[in-house]
Protein backbone atom coordinates (compact mmCIF):
# COMPACT_ATOMS: atom_id res chain seq x y z
CA UNK A 1 -132.45 89.97 49.57
CA UNK A 2 -135.09 92.36 48.20
CA UNK A 3 -136.52 92.83 51.72
CA UNK A 4 -133.10 93.94 52.95
CA UNK A 5 -132.78 96.35 50.02
CA UNK A 6 -136.19 97.79 50.87
CA UNK A 7 -135.15 98.32 54.51
CA UNK A 8 -131.90 99.99 53.50
CA UNK A 9 -133.78 102.21 51.05
CA UNK A 10 -136.26 103.30 53.73
CA UNK A 11 -133.43 104.00 56.15
CA UNK A 12 -131.62 106.06 53.51
CA UNK A 13 -134.70 108.25 53.00
CA UNK A 14 -135.11 108.81 56.75
CA UNK A 15 -131.44 109.72 57.23
CA UNK A 16 -131.46 112.08 54.23
CA UNK A 17 -134.64 113.75 55.53
CA UNK A 18 -133.16 114.25 59.01
CA UNK A 19 -129.85 115.59 57.69
CA UNK A 20 -131.50 118.07 55.33
CA UNK A 21 -133.76 119.35 58.12
CA UNK A 22 -130.75 119.83 60.39
CA UNK A 23 -128.83 121.73 57.70
CA UNK A 24 -131.78 124.01 57.03
CA UNK A 25 -132.23 124.71 60.76
CA UNK A 26 -128.51 125.49 61.20
CA UNK A 27 -128.54 127.97 58.35
CA UNK A 28 -131.49 130.04 59.52
CA UNK A 29 -131.14 133.29 61.38
CA UNK A 30 -132.68 133.18 64.84
CA UNK A 31 -134.55 136.47 64.48
CA UNK A 32 -134.99 138.30 61.20
CA UNK A 33 -134.87 142.09 61.24
CA UNK A 34 -137.62 144.15 59.74
CA UNK A 35 -139.72 143.79 56.62
CA UNK A 36 -137.72 144.49 53.49
CA UNK A 37 -140.81 145.95 51.78
CA UNK A 38 -142.04 148.49 54.33
CA UNK A 39 -139.79 148.33 57.41
CA UNK A 40 -142.58 146.94 59.61
CA UNK A 41 -142.16 144.45 62.44
CA UNK A 42 -142.00 140.77 61.46
CA UNK A 43 -144.06 138.31 63.50
CA UNK A 44 -143.23 134.63 63.82
CA UNK A 45 -145.93 132.44 62.27
CA UNK A 46 -144.45 129.00 62.90
CA UNK A 47 -142.71 126.50 60.70
CA UNK A 48 -143.81 125.88 57.13
CA UNK A 49 -143.02 122.70 55.19
CA UNK A 50 -141.41 122.74 51.77
CA UNK A 51 -140.56 119.94 49.34
CA UNK A 52 -136.98 120.23 48.11
CA UNK A 53 -135.71 118.34 45.10
CA UNK A 54 -132.16 117.07 45.60
CA UNK A 55 -129.87 114.97 43.44
CA UNK A 56 -131.02 111.92 45.44
CA UNK A 57 -134.75 112.64 45.36
CA UNK A 58 -137.27 114.81 47.19
CA UNK A 59 -137.17 115.62 50.88
CA UNK A 60 -139.46 117.72 53.05
CA UNK A 61 -137.92 120.43 55.24
CA UNK A 62 -139.53 122.86 57.66
CA UNK A 63 -138.46 126.49 57.78
CA UNK A 64 -139.29 129.35 60.12
CA UNK A 65 -141.88 131.68 58.59
CA UNK A 66 -142.52 135.32 59.48
CA UNK A 67 -145.13 137.81 58.31
CA UNK A 68 -145.02 141.59 58.40
CA UNK A 69 -147.58 143.04 60.81
CA UNK A 70 -147.90 146.17 58.65
CA UNK A 71 -148.08 145.03 55.02
CA UNK A 72 -148.61 141.27 55.38
CA UNK A 73 -145.57 140.25 53.32
CA UNK A 74 -144.41 136.69 54.08
CA UNK A 75 -140.76 136.11 54.84
CA UNK A 76 -138.44 133.11 55.18
CA UNK A 77 -135.12 134.04 56.78
CA UNK A 78 -132.25 133.64 54.34
CA UNK A 79 -129.79 130.85 54.73
């Protein structure tokens, strides 16, 4: 019985992780505008991981990350 509970628990974590990642991806803008600090052009730098604490535990999500070519300010598009 405890082996089955362990399997269900692992599956729950995987499903929660996948669902959170999908929700984060859906909520992101495809292309952010310009830098809020200086008005410079934002350049895509890839995806950055982040640990998020939820009511059911921690999950890791990846978000698009941009950086201003002029002032270097980092930027995650708002949800």
